C-alpha atoms as a PDB file:
ATOM      1  CA  UNK A   1      40.618  52.510 -21.893  1.00  0.00           C
ATOM      2  CA  UNK A   2      38.670  49.860 -20.614  1.00  0.00           C
ATOM      3  CA  UNK A   3      36.073  48.014 -22.458  1.00  0.00           C
ATOM      4  CA  UNK A   4      32.569  49.764 -21.665  1.00  0.00           C
ATOM      5  CA  UNK A   5      34.234  53.030 -21.462  1.00  0.00           C
ATOM      6  CA  UNK A   6      32.306  56.355 -22.878  1.00  0.00           C
ATOM      7  CA  UNK A   7      33.037  58.378 -25.339  1.00  0.00           C
ATOM      8  CA  UNK A   8      32.565  61.963 -26.598  1.00  0.00           C
ATOM      9  CA  UNK A   9      31.901  62.138 -30.118  1.00  0.00           C
ATOM     10  CA  UNK A  10      32.932  64.842 -32.956  1.00  0.00           C
ATOM     11  CA  UNK A  11      30.852  65.131 -35.858  1.00  0.00           C
ATOM     12  CA  UNK A  12      31.288  67.652 -38.426  1.00  0.00           C
ATOM     13  CA  UNK A  13      28.605  69.176 -40.636  1.00  0.00           C
ATOM     14  CA  UNK A  14      29.624  71.261 -43.681  1.00  0.00           C
ATOM     15  CA  UNK A  15      27.377  74.512 -44.656  1.00  0.00           C
ATOM     16  CA  UNK A  16      24.676  72.799 -46.282  1.00  0.00           C
ATOM     17  CA  UNK A  17      25.221  74.994 -49.222  1.00  0.00           C
ATOM     18  CA  UNK A  18      28.238  73.183 -49.971  1.00  0.00           C
ATOM     19  CA  UNK A  19      27.440  69.617 -48.664  1.00  0.00           C
ATOM     20  CA  UNK A  20      27.049  66.733 -50.562  1.00  0.00           C
ATOM     21  CA  UNK A  21      27.203  67.976 -54.228  1.00  0.00           C
ATOM     22  CA  UNK A  22      27.865  64.935 -55.848  1.00  0.00           C
ATOM     23  CA  UNK A  23      24.547  63.962 -54.731  1.00  0.00           C
ATOM     24  CA  UNK A  24      22.663  66.651 -57.074  1.00  0.00           C
ATOM     25  CA  UNK A  25      22.090  64.286 -59.543  1.00  0.00           C
ATOM     26  CA  UNK A  26      19.729  61.768 -57.078  1.00  0.00           C
ATOM     27  CA  UNK A  27      18.137  64.697 -55.183  1.00  0.00           C
ATOM     28  CA  UNK A  28      18.348  67.770 -57.094  1.00  0.00           C
ATOM     29  CA  UNK A  29      16.895  70.913 -55.552  1.00  0.00           C
ATOM     30  CA  UNK A  30      16.546  68.774 -52.444  1.00  0.00           C
ATOM     31  CA  UNK A  31      20.312  68.207 -52.051  1.00  0.00           C
ATOM     32  CA  UNK A  32      20.520  70.526 -48.735  1.00  0.00           C
ATOM     33  CA  UNK A  33      17.653  69.003 -47.183  1.00  0.00           C
ATOM     34  CA  UNK A  34      18.902  65.274 -48.257  1.00  0.00           C
ATOM     35  CA  UNK A  35      22.601  66.356 -46.277  1.00  0.00           C
ATOM     36  CA  UNK A  36      20.621  67.614 -43.129  1.00  0.00           C
ATOM     37  CA  UNK A  37      18.451  64.400 -43.032  1.00  0.00           C
ATOM     38  CA  UNK A  38      21.333  62.408 -43.512  1.00  0.00           C
ATOM     39  CA  UNK A  39      23.220  64.474 -40.829  1.00  0.00           C
ATOM     40  CA  UNK A  40      20.304  64.173 -38.519  1.00  0.00           C
ATOM     41  CA  UNK A  41      20.150  60.493 -38.701  1.00  0.00           C
ATOM     42  CA  UNK A  42      23.777  59.814 -38.018  1.00  0.00           C
ATOM     43  CA  UNK A  43      23.735  62.044 -35.244  1.00  0.00           C
ATOM     44  CA  UNK A  44      20.401  60.396 -33.505  1.00  0.00           C
ATOM     45  CA  UNK A  45      22.114  57.014 -33.988  1.00  0.00           C
ATOM     46  CA  UNK A  46      24.998  58.077 -32.063  1.00  0.00           C
ATOM     47  CA  UNK A  47      23.472  59.705 -29.779  1.00  0.00           C
ATOM     48  CA  UNK A  48      21.166  56.525 -29.300  1.00  0.00           C
ATOM     49  CA  UNK A  49      24.483  54.323 -28.709  1.00  0.00           C
ATOM     50  CA  UNK A  50      25.121  53.212 -25.003  1.00  0.00           C
ATOM     51  CA  UNK A  51      29.148  54.077 -25.107  1.00  0.00           C
ATOM     52  CA  UNK A  52      28.428  58.111 -26.375  1.00  0.00           C
ATOM     53  CA  UNK A  53      28.636  60.306 -23.226  1.00  0.00           C
ATOM     54  CA  UNK A  54      28.057  63.329 -25.811  1.00  0.00           C
ATOM     55  CA  UNK A  55      27.859  64.143 -29.508  1.00  0.00           C
ATOM     56  CA  UNK A  56      29.646  67.791 -30.364  1.00  0.00           C
ATOM     57  CA  UNK A  57      28.517  68.838 -33.651  1.00  0.00           C
ATOM     58  CA  UNK A  58      31.150  71.072 -35.110  1.00  0.00           C
ATOM     59  CA  UNK A  59      29.036  73.226 -37.572  1.00  0.00           C
ATOM     60  CA  UNK A  60      28.186  77.029 -38.614  1.00  0.00           C
ATOM     61  CA  UNK A  61      25.430  76.166 -40.546  1.00  0.00           C
ATOM     62  CA  UNK A  62      22.210  77.850 -39.216  1.00  0.00           C
ATOM     63  CA  UNK A  63      19.781  75.434 -40.477  1.00  0.00           C
ATOM     64  CA  UNK A  64      21.994  72.798 -38.929  1.00  0.00           C
ATOM     65  CA  UNK A  65      22.421  73.932 -35.895  1.00  0.00           C
ATOM     66  CA  UNK A  66      18.558  74.416 -35.485  1.00  0.00           C
ATOM     67  CA  UNK A  67      17.986  70.860 -36.563  1.00  0.00           C
ATOM     68  CA  UNK A  68      20.977  68.729 -34.893  1.00  0.00           C
ATOM     69  CA  UNK A  69      20.434  70.576 -31.107  1.00  0.00           C
ATOM     70  CA  UNK A  70      17.098  69.171 -30.311  1.00  0.00           C
ATOM     71  CA  UNK A  71      18.276  65.595 -31.018  1.00  0.00           C
ATOM     72  CA  UNK A  72      21.142  66.197 -28.053  1.00  0.00           C
ATOM     73  CA  UNK A  73      23.878  67.518 -29.951  1.00  0.00           C
ATOM     74  CA  UNK A  74      26.277  70.088 -28.418  1.00  0.00           C
ATOM     75  CA  UNK A  75      26.685  72.605 -31.312  1.00  0.00           C
ATOM     76  CA  UNK A  76      30.355  73.996 -31.950  1.00  0.00           C
ATOM     77  CA  UNK A  77      30.521  77.202 -33.315  1.00  0.00           C
ATOM     78  CA  UNK A  78      33.713  79.169 -33.726  1.00  0.00           C
ATOM     79  CA  UNK A  79      35.406  76.818 -36.924  1.00  0.00           C
ATOM     80  CA  UNK A  80      38.781  78.214 -37.194  1.00  0.00           C
ATOM     81  CA  UNK A  81      38.762  77.669 -41.199  1.00  0.00           C
ATOM     82  CA  UNK A  82      40.904  75.572 -43.322  1.00  0.00           C
ATOM     83  CA  UNK A  83      38.686  72.709 -43.900  1.00  0.00           C
ATOM     84  CA  UNK A  84      37.690  69.414 -41.903  1.00  0.00           C
ATOM     85  CA  UNK A  85      40.554  68.777 -40.286  1.00  0.00           C
ATOM     86  CA  UNK A  86      41.043  71.728 -38.422  1.00  0.00           C
ATOM     87  CA  UNK A  87      37.160  71.644 -37.606  1.00  0.00           C
ATOM     88  CA  UNK A  88      37.571  68.328 -36.006  1.00  0.00           C
ATOM     89  CA  UNK A  89      40.601  69.247 -33.799  1.00  0.00           C
ATOM     90  CA  UNK A  90      38.288  72.247 -32.492  1.00  0.00           C
ATOM     91  CA  UNK A  91      35.731  70.151 -31.637  1.00  0.00           C
ATOM     92  CA  UNK A  92      38.062  68.093 -29.893  1.00  0.00           C
ATOM     93  CA  UNK A  93      39.549  70.704 -27.771  1.00  0.00           C
ATOM     94  CA  UNK A  94      36.029  71.483 -27.024  1.00  0.00           C
ATOM     95  CA  UNK A  95      34.953  68.131 -26.134  1.00  0.00           C
ATOM     96  CA  UNK A  96      38.458  67.787 -23.910  1.00  0.00           C
ATOM     97  CA  UNK A  97      37.307  70.953 -21.809  1.00  0.00           C
ATOM     98  CA  UNK A  98      33.618  69.902 -21.345  1.00  0.00           C
ATOM     99  CA  UNK A  99      33.837  66.174 -20.958  1.00  0.00           C
ATOM    100  CA  UNK A 100      37.322  65.858 -19.589  1.00  0.00           C
ATOM    101  CA  UNK A 101      38.895  62.191 -19.019  1.00  0.00           C
ATOM    102  CA  UNK A 102      36.494  60.555 -21.927  1.00  0.00           C
ATOM    103  CA  UNK A 103      38.010  59.436 -25.258  1.00  0.00           C
ATOM    104  CA  UNK A 104      37.273  61.375 -28.520  1.00  0.00           C
ATOM    105  CA  UNK A 105      36.307  60.095 -31.191  1.00  0.00           C
ATOM    106  CA  UNK A 106      35.633  61.841 -34.704  1.00  0.00           C
ATOM    107  CA  UNK A 107      32.552  60.504 -36.431  1.00  0.00           C
ATOM    108  CA  UNK A 108      31.461  61.098 -40.218  1.00  0.00           C
ATOM    109  CA  UNK A 109      28.204  62.796 -40.608  1.00  0.00           C
ATOM    110  CA  UNK A 110      26.950  60.827 -43.569  1.00  0.00           C
ATOM    111  CA  UNK A 111      26.121  57.741 -42.276  1.00  0.00           C
ATOM    112  CA  UNK A 112      22.613  57.550 -42.451  1.00  0.00           C
ATOM    113  CA  UNK A 113      22.318  53.586 -42.271  1.00  0.00           C
ATOM    114  CA  UNK A 114      24.044  53.978 -38.746  1.00  0.00           C
ATOM    115  CA  UNK A 115      22.750  51.699 -35.999  1.00  0.00           C
ATOM    116  CA  UNK A 116      23.976  52.130 -32.608  1.00  0.00           C
ATOM    117  CA  UNK A 117      24.537  48.517 -31.717  1.00  0.00           C
ATOM    118  CA  UNK A 118      27.424  48.238 -34.495  1.00  0.00           C
ATOM    119  CA  UNK A 119      29.017  51.639 -33.527  1.00  0.00           C
ATOM    120  CA  UNK A 120      29.121  50.221 -29.862  1.00  0.00           C
ATOM    121  CA  UNK A 121      30.934  47.710 -31.189  1.00  0.00           C
ATOM    122  CA  UNK A 122      33.424  49.555 -32.972  1.00  0.00           C
ATOM    123  CA  UNK A 123      33.857  51.802 -30.000  1.00  0.00           C
ATOM    124  CA  UNK A 124      34.455  48.991 -27.844  1.00  0.00           C
ATOM    125  CA  UNK A 125      37.181  47.579 -30.389  1.00  0.00           C
ATOM    126  CA  UNK A 126      38.981  51.051 -30.416  1.00  0.00           C
ATOM    127  CA  UNK A 127      39.084  50.943 -26.441  1.00  0.00           C
ATOM    128  CA  UNK A 128      42.076  48.684 -26.800  1.00  0.00           C
ATOM    129  CA  UNK A 129      44.060  51.033 -28.667  1.00  0.00           C
ATOM    130  CA  UNK A 130      45.453  54.512 -27.653  1.00  0.00           C
ATOM    131  CA  UNK A 131      44.455  55.720 -31.292  1.00  0.00           C
ATOM    132  CA  UNK A 132      42.429  53.884 -33.917  1.00  0.00           C
ATOM    133  CA  UNK A 133      40.392  54.100 -37.124  1.00  0.00           C
ATOM    134  CA  UNK A 134      37.724  52.803 -39.290  1.00  0.00           C
ATOM    135  CA  UNK A 135      37.964  52.742 -42.733  1.00  0.00           C
ATOM    136  CA  UNK A 136      35.189  53.323 -45.304  1.00  0.00           C
ATOM    137  CA  UNK A 137      33.662  50.828 -47.296  1.00  0.00           C
ATOM    138  CA  UNK A 138      35.541  50.920 -50.190  1.00  0.00           C
ATOM    139  CA  UNK A 139      38.844  50.787 -47.919  1.00  0.00           C
ATOM    140  CA  UNK A 140      40.209  54.385 -49.080  1.00  0.00           C
ATOM    141  CA  UNK A 141      38.738  56.703 -46.806  1.00  0.00           C
ATOM    142  CA  UNK A 142      37.885  56.797 -43.065  1.00  0.00           C
ATOM    143  CA  UNK A 143      34.562  56.999 -41.222  1.00  0.00           C
ATOM    144  CA  UNK A 144      35.742  56.893 -37.459  1.00  0.00           C
ATOM    145  CA  UNK A 145      39.002  58.248 -35.579  1.00  0.00           C
ATOM    146  CA  UNK A 146      39.333  57.180 -31.975  1.00  0.00           C
ATOM    147  CA  UNK A 147      41.721  58.548 -29.620  1.00  0.00           C
ATOM    148  CA  UNK A 148      41.722  57.230 -25.770  1.00  0.00           C
ATOM    149  CA  UNK A 149      42.429  59.918 -23.205  1.00  0.00           C
ATOM    150  CA  UNK A 150      45.967  60.899 -23.482  1.00  0.00           C
ATOM    151  CA  UNK A 151      45.991  60.497 -27.093  1.00  0.00           C
ATOM    152  CA  UNK A 152      45.917  63.087 -29.521  1.00  0.00           C
ATOM    153  CA  UNK A 153      43.460  62.998 -32.042  1.00  0.00           C
ATOM    154  CA  UNK A 154      45.351  64.105 -35.272  1.00  0.00           C
ATOM    155  CA  UNK A 155      42.723  63.787 -37.737  1.00  0.00           C
ATOM    156  CA  UNK A 156      43.836  63.428 -41.461  1.00  0.00           C
ATOM    157  CA  UNK A 157      40.558  63.045 -43.219  1.00  0.00           C
ATOM    158  CA  UNK A 158      39.177  63.628 -46.544  1.00  0.00           C
ATOM    159  CA  UNK A 159      41.084  61.730 -49.699  1.00  0.00           C
ATOM    160  CA  UNK A 160      42.922  58.652 -49.233  1.00  0.00           C
ATOM    161  CA  UNK A 161      42.722  59.257 -45.328  1.00  0.00           C
ATOM    162  CA  UNK A 162      43.005  55.387 -44.476  1.00  0.00           C
ATOM    163  CA  UNK A 163      46.833  55.415 -45.881  1.00  0.00           C
ATOM    164  CA  UNK A 164      47.412  58.494 -43.621  1.00  0.00           C
ATOM    165  CA  UNK A 165      45.882  57.441 -40.592  1.00  0.00           C
ATOM    166  CA  UNK A 166      47.933  54.133 -41.145  1.00  0.00           C
ATOM    167  CA  UNK A 167      51.074  56.159 -41.735  1.00  0.00           C
ATOM    168  CA  UNK A 168      50.427  58.648 -38.774  1.00  0.00           C
ATOM    169  CA  UNK A 169      50.446  55.588 -36.449  1.00  0.00           C
ATOM    170  CA  UNK A 170      46.894  54.947 -35.706  1.00  0.00           C
ATOM    171  CA  UNK A 171      45.594  51.058 -35.614  1.00  0.00           C
ATOM    172  CA  UNK A 172      42.956  50.053 -38.269  1.00  0.00           C
ATOM    173  CA  UNK A 173      40.146  48.469 -36.537  1.00  0.00           C
ATOM    174  CA  UNK A 174      38.431  45.253 -38.288  1.00  0.00           C
ATOM    175  CA  UNK A 175      35.129  44.794 -36.658  1.00  0.00           C
ATOM    176  CA  UNK A 176      32.822  42.363 -37.990  1.00  0.00           C
ATOM    177  CA  UNK A 177      29.177  43.540 -38.180  1.00  0.00           C
ATOM    178  CA  UNK A 178      29.989  47.579 -38.525  1.00  0.00           C
ATOM    179  CA  UNK A 179      28.822  47.816 -42.038  1.00  0.00           C
ATOM    180  CA  UNK A 180      26.694  50.737 -41.050  1.00  0.00           C
ATOM    181  CA  UNK A 181      29.668  52.672 -39.401  1.00  0.00           C
ATOM    182  CA  UNK A 182      31.657  52.191 -42.620  1.00  0.00           C
ATOM    183  CA  UNK A 183      28.859  53.182 -45.353  1.00  0.00           C
ATOM    184  CA  UNK A 184      29.404  56.965 -45.939  1.00  0.00           C
ATOM    185  CA  UNK A 185      27.638  58.272 -48.590  1.00  0.00           C
ATOM    186  CA  UNK A 186      29.237  60.671 -51.226  1.00  0.00           C
ATOM    187  CA  UNK A 187      27.410  59.516 -54.248  1.00  0.00           C
ATOM    188  CA  UNK A 188      23.951  58.127 -55.603  1.00  0.00           C
ATOM    189  CA  UNK A 189      25.421  54.704 -55.883  1.00  0.00           C
ATOM    190  CA  UNK A 190      26.819  55.073 -51.979  1.00  0.00           C
ATOM    191  CA  UNK A 191      23.156  55.967 -51.288  1.00  0.00           C
ATOM    192  CA  UNK A 192      21.333  53.255 -53.008  1.00  0.00           C
ATOM    193  CA  UNK A 193      23.870  51.121 -50.717  1.00  0.00           C
ATOM    194  CA  UNK A 194      22.949  52.563 -47.566  1.00  0.00           C
ATOM    195  CA  UNK A 195      19.251  52.365 -48.324  1.00  0.00           C
ATOM    196  CA  UNK A 196      19.842  48.302 -48.888  1.00  0.00           C
ATOM    197  CA  UNK A 197      21.311  48.330 -45.294  1.00  0.00           C
ATOM    198  CA  UNK A 198      18.283  50.316 -44.331  1.00  0.00           C
ATOM    199  CA  UNK A 199      18.291  54.410 -43.753  1.00  0.00           C
ATOM    200  CA  UNK A 200      17.108  56.370 -41.148  1.00  0.00           C
ATOM    201  CA  UNK A 201      13.642  57.946 -40.486  1.00  0.00           C
ATOM    202  CA  UNK A 202      14.409  61.206 -41.839  1.00  0.00           C
ATOM    203  CA  UNK A 203      16.542  60.045 -44.807  1.00  0.00           C
ATOM    204  CA  UNK A 204      14.278  57.617 -45.473  1.00  0.00           C
ATOM    205  CA  UNK A 205      10.926  60.182 -45.892  1.00  0.00           C
ATOM    206  CA  UNK A 206      12.820  62.428 -47.876  1.00  0.00           C
ATOM    207  CA  UNK A 207      13.925  59.605 -50.437  1.00  0.00           C
ATOM    208  CA  UNK A 208      10.318  58.749 -50.751  1.00  0.00           C
ATOM    209  CA  UNK A 209       9.983  62.297 -52.364  1.00  0.00           C
ATOM    210  CA  UNK A 210      12.608  62.089 -54.441  1.00  0.00           C
ATOM    211  CA  UNK A 211      13.647  60.696 -57.955  1.00  0.00           C
ATOM    212  CA  UNK A 212      14.902  57.676 -55.757  1.00  0.00           C
ATOM    213  CA  UNK A 213      11.797  56.665 -54.726  1.00  0.00           C
ATOM    214  CA  UNK A 214      12.167  52.769 -54.893  1.00  0.00           C
ATOM    215  CA  UNK A 215      10.027  50.581 -56.454  1.00  0.00           C
ATOM    216  CA  UNK A 216       7.350  48.287 -54.284  1.00  0.00           C
ATOM    217  CA  UNK A 217       9.606  45.245 -54.411  1.00  0.00           C
ATOM    218  CA  UNK A 218      12.926  47.371 -53.559  1.00  0.00           C
ATOM    219  CA  UNK A 219      12.683  46.119 -49.915  1.00  0.00           C
ATOM    220  CA  UNK A 220      12.067  42.759 -50.135  1.00  0.00           C
ATOM    221  CA  UNK A 221      14.958  42.290 -52.675  1.00  0.00           C
ATOM    222  CA  UNK A 222      17.133  44.530 -50.343  1.00  0.00           C
ATOM    223  CA  UNK A 223      16.226  42.875 -47.399  1.00  0.00           C
ATOM    224  CA  UNK A 224      15.775  46.165 -45.746  1.00  0.00           C
ATOM    225  CA  UNK A 225      13.268  47.106 -43.045  1.00  0.00           C
ATOM    226  CA  UNK A 226      12.135  50.417 -44.717  1.00  0.00           C
ATOM    227  CA  UNK A 227       8.589  49.848 -45.521  1.00  0.00           C
ATOM    228  CA  UNK A 228       7.000  50.554 -49.252  1.00  0.00           C
ATOM    229  CA  UNK A 229       4.588  53.415 -49.430  1.00  0.00           C
ATOM    230  CA  UNK A 230       2.353  53.886 -46.440  1.00  0.00           C
ATOM    231  CA  UNK A 231       4.580  52.166 -43.761  1.00  0.00           C
ATOM    232  CA  UNK A 232       5.891  53.756 -40.706  1.00  0.00           C
ATOM    233  CA  UNK A 233       9.273  55.482 -41.684  1.00  0.00           C
ATOM    234  CA  UNK A 234      10.328  55.042 -38.130  1.00  0.00           C
ATOM    235  CA  UNK A 235      10.604  51.193 -38.849  1.00  0.00           C
ATOM    236  CA  UNK A 236      13.343  51.617 -41.564  1.00  0.00           C
ATOM    237  CA  UNK A 237      16.338  50.178 -39.399  1.00  0.00           C
ATOM    238  CA  UNK A 238      16.914  48.507 -36.101  1.00  0.00           C
END
């Protein structure tokens, strides 16, 4: 693929009842709401990326479908079962049918700090390879897997997926200035790190109402654009 090529993104969203269970101690009974807010911020940022032609969200959750479709996502049902990777394969097939000739990219749904310009850098790097991936911040998992036209996506997400994608022949991408694309969120510690990067407006607004509410000096210490109480949530990032 040439630089400036456009992509179809596949974003899997688990049923909210089973999503982000390790965030329970941070979000309590708002865990499902937090998982949905994170997914919404991820999809909204991806839709704003110049190199993204379409975002296909694979989910069977009715609340997720209702919230993500108005953001411009194409909601894909009919998951085959068997977990995350079969869902991604299903989404990739749908994307290939509806947007033929484009590269297909699987993107984690838990990137609340995602910035469109950083995603654009990663996709530009991916355009030089048939199949490539971006590791998560700890360097164990994967947040993005890209396949150029003619290449099979062959996702191997979950757990130590970086090693599996490498073993499967995908090129590991090293992209300076891609921290928000690598910072996925599974634990309260991950969430705190994402907040330091500056989370999207839906996640920020919800966190203001949870036990993880920042103290008045938090934004200044972390260097984020997220405002203290009374600020505009839409200025959280970018």
